[in-house]
Each structure stands twice: as structure tokens, then as C-alpha cells.
Amino acid sequence: ASAYEQKLSETVYAQERLAHAFAQLEAAAELADDIRRRVSSAQPQADSKVAKHKDLAAHLVCEKARAEQIRQRVTEGQAKADAQAARIAQLNQEAKATLDAAMPDYKA
């Protein structure tokens, strides 16, 4: 093969490689465009979900605060009930002592 034919063969081979590389590049660009379209079309749904998440998080904060208030009221109510129970037990003991002291006079 002459030098010309050798160069021609190398040039054809290089052109084929370039054509293949460009084809791969175009395929990659199409894929990137497809991904961009999918992301763009999913963005409103993602934004909606983020907004719902923020709303739920805010609602959870409110509910947590309300639950804490209820817990405090229950704790206070329990403390009052315990104090009343102790007072009733004390009154019961005093009444029993008074009754025990009065019974001998009553039986006599």
C-alpha cells in the first residue's frame, strides 16, 4: 500500500471514530435532556411534598406544645388529687381516733 493509501485508510478510520464519538455524545446529550425534562416535570410534585412536609412539621410543633400543656395540667391535677387523698386519709384517721375515744363513753 502506498503512503497515500495508508494516510487515506488512517483518515477514514479517524473519521469513523469521530463519527462514533459524536454519536455517543449526541446520545448522552439526549439522555441529559430527558433527565432535565423529568426533573422539571417532577419539580412541582416535589415542591408540593416539601410544602406539605413543612405544614405537617408546623402542625406537629403545635400538637407537641398542646400535649405538653395537657401533660402539665394532668401533673398539676395529679398533685392536687394526691394532696386531697392525703388530707382525706388524715381526716379519716382523726375521725377514727375521735370515734375510738367516744366509744367507751357511748357504751357506758
PDB file of N, CA and C in Angstrom:
ATOM      1  N   ALA A   1       0.841  -1.173   0.000  1.00  0.00           N
ATOM      2  CA  ALA A   1       0.000   0.000   0.000  1.00  0.00           C
ATOM      3  C   ALA A   1       0.882   1.230   0.000  1.00  0.00           C
ATOM      4  N   SER A   2       0.464   2.183  -0.777  1.00  0.00           N
ATOM      5  CA  SER A   2       1.245   3.407  -0.899  1.00  0.00           C
ATOM      6  C   SER A   2       1.023   4.265   0.337  1.00  0.00           C
ATOM      7  N   ALA A   3       1.860   5.273   0.513  1.00  0.00           N
ATOM      8  CA  ALA A   3       1.738   6.186   1.639  1.00  0.00           C
ATOM      9  C   ALA A   3       0.393   6.908   1.574  1.00  0.00           C
ATOM     10  N   TYR A   4      -0.043   7.218   0.350  1.00  0.00           N
ATOM     11  CA  TYR A   4      -1.336   7.890   0.181  1.00  0.00           C
ATOM     12  C   TYR A   4      -2.461   6.986   0.670  1.00  0.00           C
ATOM     13  N   GLU A   5      -2.443   5.735   0.276  1.00  0.00           N
ATOM     14  CA  GLU A   5      -3.494   4.796   0.689  1.00  0.00           C
ATOM     15  C   GLU A   5      -3.455   4.571   2.194  1.00  0.00           C
ATOM     16  N   GLN A   6      -2.254   4.539   2.746  1.00  0.00           N
ATOM     17  CA  GLN A   6      -2.099   4.383   4.200  1.00  0.00           C
ATOM     18  C   GLN A   6      -2.726   5.580   4.922  1.00  0.00           C
ATOM     19  N   LYS A   7      -2.400   6.804   4.471  1.00  0.00           N
ATOM     20  CA  LYS A   7      -2.959   8.018   5.073  1.00  0.00           C
ATOM     21  C   LYS A   7      -4.463   8.058   4.895  1.00  0.00           C
ATOM     22  N   LEU A   8      -4.951   7.647   3.720  1.00  0.00           N
ATOM     23  CA  LEU A   8      -6.383   7.634   3.445  1.00  0.00           C
ATOM     24  C   LEU A   8      -7.086   6.663   4.391  1.00  0.00           C
ATOM     25  N   SER A   9      -6.475   5.495   4.594  1.00  0.00           N
ATOM     26  CA  SER A   9      -7.047   4.499   5.495  1.00  0.00           C
ATOM     27  C   SER A   9      -7.086   5.028   6.936  1.00  0.00           C
ATOM     28  N   GLU A  10      -6.006   5.678   7.361  1.00  0.00           N
ATOM     29  CA  GLU A  10      -5.949   6.253   8.709  1.00  0.00           C
ATOM     30  C   GLU A  10      -6.976   7.362   8.880  1.00  0.00           C
ATOM     31  N   THR A  11      -7.126   8.172   7.831  1.00  0.00           N
ATOM     32  CA  THR A  11      -8.094   9.270   7.871  1.00  0.00           C
ATOM     33  C   THR A  11      -9.522   8.728   7.965  1.00  0.00           C
ATOM     34  N   VAL A  12      -9.825   7.719   7.175  1.00  0.00           N
ATOM     35  CA  VAL A  12     -11.157   7.102   7.203  1.00  0.00           C
ATOM     36  C   VAL A  12     -11.424   6.521   8.584  1.00  0.00           C
ATOM     37  N   TYR A  13     -10.408   5.828   9.126  1.00  0.00           N
ATOM     38  CA  TYR A  13     -10.553   5.243  10.462  1.00  0.00           C
ATOM     39  C   TYR A  13     -10.791   6.340  11.504  1.00  0.00           C
ATOM     40  N   ALA A  14     -10.042   7.439  11.429  1.00  0.00           N
ATOM     41  CA  ALA A  14     -10.201   8.557  12.366  1.00  0.00           C
ATOM     42  C   ALA A  14     -11.585   9.182  12.214  1.00  0.00           C
ATOM     43  N   GLN A  15     -12.057   9.312  10.977  1.00  0.00           N
ATOM     44  CA  GLN A  15     -13.396   9.873  10.749  1.00  0.00           C
ATOM     45  C   GLN A  15     -14.472   8.963  11.330  1.00  0.00           C
ATOM     46  N   GLU A  16     -14.294   7.657  11.187  1.00  0.00           N
ATOM     47  CA  GLU A  16     -15.258   6.711  11.752  1.00  0.00           C
ATOM     48  C   GLU A  16     -15.281   6.795  13.280  1.00  0.00           C
ATOM     49  N   ARG A  17     -14.085   6.921  13.860  1.00  0.00           N
ATOM     50  CA  ARG A  17     -14.007   7.058  15.325  1.00  0.00           C
ATOM     51  C   ARG A  17     -14.665   8.351  15.780  1.00  0.00           C
ATOM     52  N   LEU A  18     -14.396   9.436  15.050  1.00  0.00           N
ATOM     53  CA  LEU A  18     -15.028  10.721  15.369  1.00  0.00           C
ATOM     54  C   LEU A  18     -16.543  10.646  15.235  1.00  0.00           C
ATOM     55  N   ALA A  19     -17.009  10.010  14.169  1.00  0.00           N
ATOM     56  CA  ALA A  19     -18.449   9.865  13.956  1.00  0.00           C
ATOM     57  C   ALA A  19     -19.066   9.062  15.100  1.00  0.00           C
ATOM     58  N   HIS A  20     -18.405   8.012  15.530  1.00  0.00           N
ATOM     59  CA  HIS A  20     -18.896   7.195  16.639  1.00  0.00           C
ATOM     60  C   HIS A  20     -18.912   8.017  17.936  1.00  0.00           C
ATOM     61  N   ALA A  21     -17.832   8.770  18.167  1.00  0.00           N
ATOM     62  CA  ALA A  21     -17.750   9.607  19.372  1.00  0.00           C
ATOM     63  C   ALA A  21     -18.852  10.665  19.369  1.00  0.00           C
ATOM     64  N   PHE A  22     -19.105  11.303  18.195  1.00  0.00           N
ATOM     65  CA  PHE A  22     -20.180  12.290  18.101  1.00  0.00           C
ATOM     66  C   PHE A  22     -21.539  11.650  18.342  1.00  0.00           C
ATOM     67  N   ALA A  23     -21.727  10.425  17.823  1.00  0.00           N
ATOM     68  CA  ALA A  23     -22.989   9.720  18.043  1.00  0.00           C
ATOM     69  C   ALA A  23     -23.197   9.453  19.529  1.00  0.00           C
ATOM     70  N   GLN A  24     -22.131   9.047  20.213  1.00  0.00           N
ATOM     71  CA  GLN A  24     -22.229   8.814  21.653  1.00  0.00           C
ATOM     72  C   GLN A  24     -22.492  10.115  22.400  1.00  0.00           C
ATOM     73  N   LEU A  25     -21.856  11.186  21.956  1.00  0.00           N
ATOM     74  CA  LEU A  25     -22.059  12.488  22.568  1.00  0.00           C
ATOM     75  C   LEU A  25     -23.501  12.954  22.384  1.00  0.00           C
ATOM     76  N   GLU A  26     -24.053  12.764  21.195  1.00  0.00           N
ATOM     77  CA  GLU A  26     -25.446  13.131  20.938  1.00  0.00           C
ATOM     78  C   GLU A  26     -26.393  12.300  21.792  1.00  0.00           C
ATOM     79  N   ALA A  27     -26.102  11.009  21.935  1.00  0.00           N
ATOM     80  CA  ALA A  27     -26.935  10.144  22.781  1.00  0.00           C
ATOM     81  C   ALA A  27     -26.881  10.608  24.231  1.00  0.00           C
ATOM     82  N   ALA A  28     -25.698  10.988  24.688  1.00  0.00           N
ATOM     83  CA  ALA A  28     -25.552  11.475  26.061  1.00  0.00           C
ATOM     84  C   ALA A  28     -26.300  12.791  26.241  1.00  0.00           C
ATOM     85  N   ALA A  29     -26.251  13.654  25.242  1.00  0.00           N
ATOM     86  CA  ALA A  29     -26.973  14.930  25.314  1.00  0.00           C
ATOM     87  C   ALA A  29     -28.476  14.696  25.361  1.00  0.00           C
ATOM     88  N   GLU A  30     -28.959  13.741  24.557  1.00  0.00           N
ATOM     89  CA  GLU A  30     -30.386  13.409  24.576  1.00  0.00           C
ATOM     90  C   GLU A  30     -30.787  12.856  25.941  1.00  0.00           C
ATOM     91  N   LEU A  31     -29.944  12.017  26.499  1.00  0.00           N
ATOM     92  CA  LEU A  31     -30.216  11.462  27.822  1.00  0.00           C
ATOM     93  C   LEU A  31     -30.256  12.576  28.866  1.00  0.00           C
ATOM     94  N   ALA A  32     -29.291  13.494  28.797  1.00  0.00           N
ATOM     95  CA  ALA A  32     -29.267  14.619  29.730  1.00  0.00           C
ATOM     96  C   ALA A  32     -30.518  15.475  29.578  1.00  0.00           C
ATOM     97  N   ASP A  33     -30.949  15.718  28.338  1.00  0.00           N
ATOM     98  CA  ASP A  33     -32.179  16.487  28.103  1.00  0.00           C
ATOM     99  C   ASP A  33     -33.392  15.767  28.686  1.00  0.00           C
ATOM    100  N   ASP A  34     -33.432  14.455  28.485  1.00  0.00           N
ATOM    101  CA  ASP A  34     -34.537  13.658  29.031  1.00  0.00           C
ATOM    102  C   ASP A  34     -34.552  13.746  30.554  1.00  0.00           C
ATOM    103  N   ILE A  35     -33.394  13.649  31.172  1.00  0.00           N
ATOM    104  CA  ILE A  35     -33.308  13.761  32.638  1.00  0.00           C
ATOM    105  C   ILE A  35     -33.756  15.136  33.085  1.00  0.00           C
ATOM    106  N   ARG A  36     -33.332  16.201  32.380  1.00  0.00           N
ATOM    107  CA  ARG A  36     -33.757  17.564  32.725  1.00  0.00           C
ATOM    108  C   ARG A  36     -35.269  17.697  32.641  1.00  0.00           C
ATOM    109  N   ARG A  37     -35.872  17.130  31.574  1.00  0.00           N
ATOM    110  CA  ARG A  37     -37.333  17.190  31.422  1.00  0.00           C
ATOM    111  C   ARG A  37     -38.031  16.461  32.568  1.00  0.00           C
ATOM    112  N   ARG A  38     -37.507  15.300  32.913  1.00  0.00           N
ATOM    113  CA  ARG A  38     -38.116  14.538  34.016  1.00  0.00           C
ATOM    114  C   ARG A  38     -38.010  15.287  35.337  1.00  0.00           C
ATOM    115  N   VAL A  39     -36.846  15.865  35.590  1.00  0.00           N
ATOM    116  CA  VAL A  39     -36.664  16.632  36.824  1.00  0.00           C
ATOM    117  C   VAL A  39     -37.604  17.831  36.832  1.00  0.00           C
ATOM    118  N   SER A  40     -37.690  18.516  35.695  1.00  0.00           N
ATOM    119  CA  SER A  40     -38.573  19.686  35.606  1.00  0.00           C
ATOM    120  C   SER A  40     -40.027  19.297  35.811  1.00  0.00           C
ATOM    121  N   SER A  41     -40.432  18.167  35.231  1.00  0.00           N
ATOM    122  CA  SER A  41     -41.825  17.753  35.390  1.00  0.00           C
ATOM    123  C   SER A  41     -42.107  17.260  36.803  1.00  0.00           C
ATOM    124  N   ALA A  42     -41.101  16.747  37.498  1.00  0.00           N
ATOM    125  CA  ALA A  42     -41.292  16.262  38.871  1.00  0.00           C
ATOM    126  C   ALA A  42     -41.170  17.384  39.899  1.00  0.00           C
ATOM    127  N   GLN A  43     -40.624  18.522  39.497  1.00  0.00           N
ATOM    128  CA  GLN A  43     -40.381  19.608  40.443  1.00  0.00           C
ATOM    129  C   GLN A  43     -41.652  20.101  41.134  1.00  0.00           C
ATOM    130  N   PRO A  44     -42.763  20.335  40.409  1.00  0.00           N
ATOM    131  CA  PRO A  44     -43.979  20.788  41.109  1.00  0.00           C
ATOM    132  C   PRO A  44     -44.448  19.795  42.170  1.00  0.00           C
ATOM    133  N   GLN A  45     -44.374  18.502  41.865  1.00  0.00           N
ATOM    134  CA  GLN A  45     -44.781  17.493  42.832  1.00  0.00           C
ATOM    135  C   GLN A  45     -43.830  17.510  44.038  1.00  0.00           C
ATOM    136  N   ALA A  46     -42.555  17.651  43.779  1.00  0.00           N
ATOM    137  CA  ALA A  46     -41.584  17.720  44.879  1.00  0.00           C
ATOM    138  C   ALA A  46     -41.830  18.961  45.724  1.00  0.00           C
ATOM    139  N   ASP A  47     -42.092  20.088  45.080  1.00  0.00           N
ATOM    140  CA  ASP A  47     -42.383  21.322  45.818  1.00  0.00           C
ATOM    141  C   ASP A  47     -43.628  21.157  46.676  1.00  0.00           C
ATOM    142  N   SER A  48     -44.636  20.487  46.113  1.00  0.00           N
ATOM    143  CA  SER A  48     -45.869  20.246  46.861  1.00  0.00           C
ATOM    144  C   SER A  48     -45.603  19.378  48.085  1.00  0.00           C
ATOM    145  N   LYS A  49     -44.792  18.341  47.895  1.00  0.00           N
ATOM    146  CA  LYS A  49     -44.471  17.459  49.020  1.00  0.00           C
ATOM    147  C   LYS A  49     -43.668  18.198  50.085  1.00  0.00           C
ATOM    148  N   VAL A  50     -42.762  19.060  49.655  1.00  0.00           N
ATOM    149  CA  VAL A  50     -41.985  19.844  50.612  1.00  0.00           C
ATOM    150  C   VAL A  50     -42.917  20.774  51.394  1.00  0.00           C
ATOM    151  N   ALA A  51     -43.850  21.402  50.706  1.00  0.00           N
ATOM    152  CA  ALA A  51     -44.804  22.293  51.378  1.00  0.00           C
ATOM    153  C   ALA A  51     -45.653  21.506  52.379  1.00  0.00           C
ATOM    154  N   LYS A  52     -46.123  20.332  51.971  1.00  0.00           N
ATOM    155  CA  LYS A  52     -46.915  19.501  52.890  1.00  0.00           C
ATOM    156  C   LYS A  52     -46.085  19.094  54.094  1.00  0.00           C
ATOM    157  N   HIS A  53     -44.821  18.752  53.851  1.00  0.00           N
ATOM    158  CA  HIS A  53     -43.932  18.361  54.944  1.00  0.00           C
ATOM    159  C   HIS A  53     -43.755  19.526  55.924  1.00  0.00           C
ATOM    160  N   LYS A  54     -43.574  20.722  55.383  1.00  0.00           N
ATOM    161  CA  LYS A  54     -43.424  21.892  56.253  1.00  0.00           C
ATOM    162  C   LYS A  54     -44.700  22.132  57.053  1.00  0.00           C
ATOM    163  N   ASP A  55     -45.866  21.984  56.392  1.00  0.00           N
ATOM    164  CA  ASP A  55     -47.141  22.147  57.088  1.00  0.00           C
ATOM    165  C   ASP A  55     -47.288  21.115  58.193  1.00  0.00           C
ATOM    166  N   LEU A  56     -46.940  19.863  57.893  1.00  0.00           N
ATOM    167  CA  LEU A  56     -47.030  18.812  58.902  1.00  0.00           C
ATOM    168  C   LEU A  56     -46.062  19.059  60.053  1.00  0.00           C
ATOM    169  N   ALA A  57     -44.880  19.534  59.726  1.00  0.00           N
ATOM    170  CA  ALA A  57     -43.893  19.826  60.768  1.00  0.00           C
ATOM    171  C   ALA A  57     -44.399  20.948  61.674  1.00  0.00           C
ATOM    172  N   ALA A  58     -44.991  21.977  61.090  1.00  0.00           N
ATOM    173  CA  ALA A  58     -45.548  23.077  61.886  1.00  0.00           C
ATOM    174  C   ALA A  58     -46.699  22.564  62.744  1.00  0.00           C
ATOM    175  N   HIS A  59     -47.543  21.726  62.165  1.00  0.00           N
ATOM    176  CA  HIS A  59     -48.665  21.157  62.915  1.00  0.00           C
ATOM    177  C   HIS A  59     -48.139  20.297  64.070  1.00  0.00           C
ATOM    178  N   LEU A  60     -47.092  19.534  63.811  1.00  0.00           N
ATOM    179  CA  LEU A  60     -46.510  18.692  64.846  1.00  0.00           C
ATOM    180  C   LEU A  60     -45.965  19.533  65.996  1.00  0.00           C
ATOM    181  N   VAL A  61     -45.340  20.652  65.679  1.00  0.00           N
ATOM    182  CA  VAL A  61     -44.820  21.540  66.726  1.00  0.00           C
ATOM    183  C   VAL A  61     -45.978  22.040  67.592  1.00  0.00           C
ATOM    184  N   CYS A  62     -47.079  22.442  66.944  1.00  0.00           N
ATOM    185  CA  CYS A  62     -48.259  22.914  67.692  1.00  0.00           C
ATOM    186  C   CYS A  62     -48.837  21.801  68.556  1.00  0.00           C
ATOM    187  N   GLU A  63     -48.954  20.617  67.983  1.00  0.00           N
ATOM    188  CA  GLU A  63     -49.514  19.485  68.727  1.00  0.00           C
ATOM    189  C   GLU A  63     -48.610  19.100  69.897  1.00  0.00           C
ATOM    190  N   LYS A  64     -47.315  19.186  69.688  1.00  0.00           N
ATOM    191  CA  LYS A  64     -46.374  18.870  70.765  1.00  0.00           C
ATOM    192  C   LYS A  64     -46.519  19.875  71.907  1.00  0.00           C
ATOM    193  N   ALA A  65     -46.657  21.143  71.565  1.00  0.00           N
ATOM    194  CA  ALA A  65     -46.846  22.178  72.588  1.00  0.00           C
ATOM    195  C   ALA A  65     -48.157  21.952  73.330  1.00  0.00           C
ATOM    196  N   ARG A  66     -49.204  21.605  72.583  1.00  0.00           N
ATOM    197  CA  ARG A  66     -50.506  21.361  73.208  1.00  0.00           C
ATOM    198  C   ARG A  66     -50.439  20.133  74.120  1.00  0.00           C
ATOM    199  N   ALA A  67     -49.745  19.098  73.685  1.00  0.00           N
ATOM    200  CA  ALA A  67     -49.582  17.898  74.502  1.00  0.00           C
ATOM    201  C   ALA A  67     -48.812  18.211  75.788  1.00  0.00           C
ATOM    202  N   GLU A  68     -47.826  19.078  75.681  1.00  0.00           N
ATOM    203  CA  GLU A  68     -47.056  19.470  76.871  1.00  0.00           C
ATOM    204  C   GLU A  68     -47.947  20.228  77.855  1.00  0.00           C
ATOM    205  N   GLN A  69     -48.809  21.114  77.343  1.00  0.00           N
ATOM    206  CA  GLN A  69     -49.741  21.835  78.219  1.00  0.00           C
ATOM    207  C   GLN A  69     -50.677  20.855  78.927  1.00  0.00           C
ATOM    208  N   ILE A  70     -51.179  19.901  78.186  1.00  0.00           N
ATOM    209  CA  ILE A  70     -52.076  18.901  78.774  1.00  0.00           C
ATOM    210  C   ILE A  70     -51.330  18.084  79.822  1.00  0.00           C
ATOM    211  N   ARG A  71     -50.087  17.694  79.509  1.00  0.00           N
ATOM    212  CA  ARG A  71     -49.291  16.931  80.474  1.00  0.00           C
ATOM    213  C   ARG A  71     -49.082  17.724  81.757  1.00  0.00           C
ATOM    214  N   GLN A  72     -48.825  19.024  81.630  1.00  0.00           N
ATOM    215  CA  GLN A  72     -48.642  19.861  82.815  1.00  0.00           C
ATOM    216  C   GLN A  72     -49.927  19.943  83.631  1.00  0.00           C
ATOM    217  N   ARG A  73     -51.069  20.098  82.938  1.00  0.00           N
ATOM    218  CA  ARG A  73     -52.346  20.154  83.663  1.00  0.00           C
ATOM    219  C   ARG A  73     -52.633  18.831  84.370  1.00  0.00           C
ATOM    220  N   VAL A  74     -52.333  17.734  83.705  1.00  0.00           N
ATOM    221  CA  VAL A  74     -52.549  16.420  84.324  1.00  0.00           C
ATOM    222  C   VAL A  74     -51.635  16.256  85.536  1.00  0.00           C
ATOM    223  N   THR A  75     -50.391  16.670  85.405  1.00  0.00           N
ATOM    224  CA  THR A  75     -49.451  16.581  86.524  1.00  0.00           C
ATOM    225  C   THR A  75     -49.931  17.425  87.701  1.00  0.00           C
ATOM    226  N   GLU A  76     -50.393  18.651  87.405  1.00  0.00           N
ATOM    227  CA  GLU A  76     -50.925  19.515  88.460  1.00  0.00           C
ATOM    228  C   GLU A  76     -52.172  18.893  89.099  1.00  0.00           C
ATOM    229  N   GLY A  77     -53.042  18.353  88.250  1.00  0.00           N
ATOM    230  CA  GLY A  77     -54.257  17.703  88.765  1.00  0.00           C
ATOM    231  C   GLY A  77     -53.919  16.501  89.621  1.00  0.00           C
ATOM    232  N   GLN A  78     -52.916  15.736  89.224  1.00  0.00           N
ATOM    233  CA  GLN A  78     -52.496  14.569  89.999  1.00  0.00           C
ATOM    234  C   GLN A  78     -51.938  15.010  91.354  1.00  0.00           C
ATOM    235  N   ALA A  79     -51.171  16.093  91.346  1.00  0.00           N
ATOM    236  CA  ALA A  79     -50.618  16.605  92.605  1.00  0.00           C
ATOM    237  C   ALA A  79     -51.744  17.051  93.531  1.00  0.00           C
ATOM    238  N   LYS A  80     -52.740  17.739  92.995  1.00  0.00           N
ATOM    239  CA  LYS A  80     -53.882  18.165  93.806  1.00  0.00           C
ATOM    240  C   LYS A  80     -54.658  16.963  94.329  1.00  0.00           C
ATOM    241  N   ALA A  81     -54.863  15.975  93.469  1.00  0.00           N
ATOM    242  CA  ALA A  81     -55.590  14.774  93.881  1.00  0.00           C
ATOM    243  C   ALA A  81     -54.816  14.028  94.963  1.00  0.00           C
ATOM    244  N   ASP A  82     -53.498  13.964  94.834  1.00  0.00           N
ATOM    245  CA  ASP A  82     -52.681  13.306  95.859  1.00  0.00           C
ATOM    246  C   ASP A  82     -52.772  14.053  97.186  1.00  0.00           C
ATOM    247  N   ALA A  83     -52.751  15.393  97.119  1.00  0.00           N
ATOM    248  CA  ALA A  83     -52.870  16.202  98.331  1.00  0.00           C
ATOM    249  C   ALA A  83     -54.237  16.000  98.980  1.00  0.00           C
ATOM    250  N   GLN A  84     -55.290  15.968  98.169  1.00  0.00           N
ATOM    251  CA  GLN A  84     -56.630  15.739  98.707  1.00  0.00           C
ATOM    252  C   GLN A  84     -56.752  14.343  99.298  1.00  0.00           C
ATOM    253  N   ALA A  85     -56.162  13.363  98.646  1.00  0.00           N
ATOM    254  CA  ALA A  85     -56.199  11.993  99.164  1.00  0.00           C
ATOM    255  C   ALA A  85     -55.486  11.910 100.505  1.00  0.00           C
ATOM    256  N   ALA A  86     -54.354  12.593 100.633  1.00  0.00           N
ATOM    257  CA  ALA A  86     -53.618  12.613 101.898  1.00  0.00           C
ATOM    258  C   ALA A  86     -54.442  13.299 102.980  1.00  0.00           C
ATOM    259  N   ARG A  87     -55.102  14.391 102.612  1.00  0.00           N
ATOM    260  CA  ARG A  87     -55.951  15.121 103.588  1.00  0.00           C
ATOM    261  C   ARG A  87     -57.132  14.252 104.013  1.00  0.00           C
ATOM    262  N   ILE A  88     -57.729  13.543 103.074  1.00  0.00           N
ATOM    263  CA  ILE A  88     -58.860  12.664 103.392  1.00  0.00           C
ATOM    264  C   ILE A  88     -58.397  11.527 104.301  1.00  0.00           C
ATOM    265  N   ALA A  89     -57.224  10.972 104.026  1.00  0.00           N
ATOM    266  CA  ALA A  89     -56.681   9.906 104.885  1.00  0.00           C
ATOM    267  C   ALA A  89     -56.437  10.434 106.291  1.00  0.00           C
ATOM    268  N   GLN A  90     -55.912  11.660 106.379  1.00  0.00           N
ATOM    269  CA  GLN A  90     -55.671  12.272 107.690  1.00  0.00           C
ATOM    270  C   GLN A  90     -56.994  12.481 108.425  1.00  0.00           C
ATOM    271  N   LEU A  91     -58.010  13.025 107.716  1.00  0.00           N
ATOM    272  CA  LEU A  91     -59.324  13.237 108.337  1.00  0.00           C
ATOM    273  C   LEU A  91     -59.943  11.910 108.767  1.00  0.00           C
ATOM    274  N   ASN A  92     -59.743  10.881 107.961  1.00  0.00           N
ATOM    275  CA  ASN A  92     -60.263   9.561 108.296  1.00  0.00           C
ATOM    276  C   ASN A  92     -59.627   9.041 109.585  1.00  0.00           C
ATOM    277  N   GLN A  93     -58.288   9.226 109.686  1.00  0.00           N
ATOM    278  CA  GLN A  93     -57.602   8.789 110.908  1.00  0.00           C
ATOM    279  C   GLN A  93     -58.079   9.587 112.120  1.00  0.00           C
ATOM    280  N   GLU A  94     -58.254  10.908 111.931  1.00  0.00           N
ATOM    281  CA  GLU A  94     -58.735  11.746 113.042  1.00  0.00           C
ATOM    282  C   GLU A  94     -60.148  11.336 113.448  1.00  0.00           C
ATOM    283  N   ALA A  95     -61.008  11.062 112.474  1.00  0.00           N
ATOM    284  CA  ALA A  95     -62.375  10.652 112.780  1.00  0.00           C
ATOM    285  C   ALA A  95     -62.387   9.315 113.505  1.00  0.00           C
ATOM    286  N   LYS A  96     -61.506   8.395 113.061  1.00  0.00           N
ATOM    287  CA  LYS A  96     -61.443   7.084 113.716  1.00  0.00           C
ATOM    288  C   LYS A  96     -60.954   7.245 115.140  1.00  0.00           C
ATOM    289  N   ALA A  97     -59.955   8.105 115.339  1.00  0.00           N
ATOM    290  CA  ALA A  97     -59.437   8.335 116.694  1.00  0.00           C
ATOM    291  C   ALA A  97     -60.517   8.954 117.573  1.00  0.00           C
ATOM    292  N   THR A  98     -61.269   9.906 117.036  1.00  0.00           N
ATOM    293  CA  THR A  98     -62.351  10.545 117.793  1.00  0.00           C
ATOM    294  C   THR A  98     -63.431   9.520 118.120  1.00  0.00           C
ATOM    295  N   LEU A  99     -63.765   8.672 117.148  1.00  0.00           N
ATOM    296  CA  LEU A  99     -64.773   7.636 117.362  1.00  0.00           C
ATOM    297  C   LEU A  99     -64.291   6.637 118.405  1.00  0.00           C
ATOM    298  N   ASP A 100     -63.025   6.222 118.308  1.00  0.00           N
ATOM    299  CA  ASP A 100     -62.479   5.280 119.284  1.00  0.00           C
ATOM    300  C   ASP A 100     -62.491   5.888 120.685  1.00  0.00           C
ATOM    301  N   ALA A 101     -62.211   7.196 120.781  1.00  0.00           N
ATOM    302  CA  ALA A 101     -62.216   7.872 122.077  1.00  0.00           C
ATOM    303  C   ALA A 101     -63.632   8.003 122.613  1.00  0.00           C
ATOM    304  N   ALA A 102     -64.630   8.180 121.741  1.00  0.00           N
ATOM    305  CA  ALA A 102     -66.018   8.375 122.176  1.00  0.00           C
ATOM    306  C   ALA A 102     -66.728   7.065 122.482  1.00  0.00           C
ATOM    307  N   MET A 103     -66.275   5.972 121.932  1.00  0.00           N
ATOM    308  CA  MET A 103     -66.975   4.700 122.092  1.00  0.00           C
ATOM    309  C   MET A 103     -67.070   4.239 123.547  1.00  0.00           C
ATOM    310  N   PRO A 104     -66.021   4.381 124.355  1.00  0.00           N
ATOM    311  CA  PRO A 104     -66.187   3.937 125.757  1.00  0.00           C
ATOM    312  C   PRO A 104     -67.290   4.714 126.470  1.00  0.00           C
ATOM    313  N   ASP A 105     -67.391   6.025 126.203  1.00  0.00           N
ATOM    314  CA  ASP A 105     -68.454   6.841 126.844  1.00  0.00           C
ATOM    315  C   ASP A 105     -69.825   6.413 126.323  1.00  0.00           C
ATOM    316  N   TYR A 106     -69.915   6.039 125.062  1.00  0.00           N
ATOM    317  CA  TYR A 106     -71.181   5.638 124.466  1.00  0.00           C
ATOM    318  C   TYR A 106     -71.637   4.292 125.018  1.00  0.00           C
ATOM    319  N   LYS A 107     -70.684   3.371 125.215  1.00  0.00           N
ATOM    320  CA  LYS A 107     -71.027   2.044 125.696  1.00  0.00           C
ATOM    321  C   LYS A 107     -71.395   2.081 127.187  1.00  0.00           C
ATOM    322  N   ALA A 108     -70.928   3.062 127.865  1.00  0.00           N
ATOM    323  CA  ALA A 108     -71.161   3.126 129.313  1.00  0.00           C
ATOM    324  C   ALA A 108     -72.515   3.595 129.676  1.00  0.00           C
TER     325      ALA A 108
END
